[in-house]
């Protein structure tokens, strides 16, 4: 798991602006996915982890859909 920090630069509307990581990279983030009590200048802590189990389940699901779509009879136009 990787942990990083972000500073809230701008809050408002549908999208807020965060400055993420040591390089302060600008990242737009859905405001609805942020805590309601958050204010500009506040510090966030993010944890990011790879989820191999759910990734594999999703890949299988997508592969099944692709197979079904590619073998489905086509309707005439």
Protein backbone atom coordinates (compact mmCIF):
# COMPACT_ATOMS: atom_id res chain seq x y z
CA UNK A 1 0.00 0.00 0.00
CA UNK A 2 1.16 3.51 -0.80
CA UNK A 3 0.23 6.52 1.30
CA UNK A 4 0.36 10.06 0.01
CA UNK A 5 -1.00 13.42 1.04
CA UNK A 6 -2.97 16.11 -0.73
CA UNK A 7 -3.80 19.72 0.05
CA UNK A 8 -7.23 21.06 -0.87
CA UNK A 9 -6.59 24.02 -3.12
CA UNK A 10 -10.13 24.72 -4.31
CA UNK A 11 -13.50 23.37 -3.18
CA UNK A 12 -16.77 23.89 -4.92
CA UNK A 13 -19.15 22.80 -7.62
CA UNK A 14 -18.90 19.29 -8.97
CA UNK A 15 -15.10 19.16 -9.02
CA UNK A 16 -12.51 20.32 -6.49
CA UNK A 17 -8.78 20.81 -7.02
CA UNK A 18 -6.26 18.93 -4.90
CA UNK A 19 -2.46 19.24 -4.92
CA UNK A 20 -1.20 15.67 -4.50
CA UNK A 21 2.12 14.21 -3.41
CA UNK A 22 5.53 15.75 -2.86
CA UNK A 23 5.44 17.42 -6.29
CA UNK A 24 2.00 18.91 -5.57
CA UNK A 25 0.54 17.60 -8.84
CA UNK A 26 -2.86 19.16 -9.55
CA UNK A 27 -5.69 16.61 -9.51
CA UNK A 28 -9.38 17.30 -10.06
CA UNK A 29 -11.54 15.24 -7.70
CA UNK A 30 -15.33 14.91 -7.43
CA UNK A 31 -16.44 17.15 -4.58
CA UNK A 32 -19.12 14.61 -3.65
CA UNK A 33 -16.34 12.08 -2.87
CA UNK A 34 -14.72 14.36 -0.29
CA UNK A 35 -15.68 14.76 3.38
CA UNK A 36 -18.36 17.43 3.87
CA UNK A 37 -16.40 19.20 6.62
CA UNK A 38 -13.37 19.74 4.38
CA UNK A 39 -12.16 23.31 3.74
CA UNK A 40 -9.59 24.88 1.42
CA UNK A 41 -6.10 24.44 2.84
CA UNK A 42 -6.99 21.20 4.65
CA UNK A 43 -4.70 18.20 4.36
CA UNK A 44 -5.93 14.81 3.14
CA UNK A 45 -4.21 11.46 3.50
CA UNK A 46 -4.75 8.90 0.72
CA UNK A 47 -3.98 5.19 0.82
CA UNK A 48 -3.74 3.42 -2.52
CA UNK A 49 -3.58 -0.36 -2.84
CA UNK A 50 -3.80 -2.83 -5.71
CA UNK A 51 -6.78 -5.20 -5.45
CA UNK A 52 -5.75 -8.34 -7.39
CA UNK A 53 -8.81 -10.45 -6.43
CA UNK A 54 -11.41 -7.96 -7.64
CA UNK A 55 -9.27 -7.07 -10.66
CA UNK A 56 -9.32 -10.71 -11.77
CA UNK A 57 -13.07 -10.98 -11.19
CA UNK A 58 -13.65 -7.87 -13.30
CA UNK A 59 -11.40 -9.19 -16.09
CA UNK A 60 -13.35 -12.46 -16.18
CA UNK A 61 -16.65 -10.60 -16.27
CA UNK A 62 -15.49 -8.36 -19.15
CA UNK A 63 -14.09 -11.35 -21.06
CA UNK A 64 -17.45 -13.11 -20.70
CA UNK A 65 -19.30 -10.07 -22.00
CA UNK A 66 -16.95 -9.75 -24.97
CA UNK A 67 -17.46 -13.43 -25.79
CA UNK A 68 -21.25 -13.09 -25.56
CA UNK A 69 -21.26 -9.99 -27.75
CA UNK A 70 -18.93 -11.47 -30.36
CA UNK A 71 -20.97 -14.67 -30.69
CA UNK A 72 -24.44 -13.08 -30.56
CA UNK A 73 -26.43 -13.24 -33.80
CA UNK A 74 -26.53 -9.92 -35.59
CA UNK A 75 -29.78 -8.33 -36.55
CA UNK A 76 -30.18 -7.14 -40.14
CA UNK A 77 -30.22 -3.38 -40.65
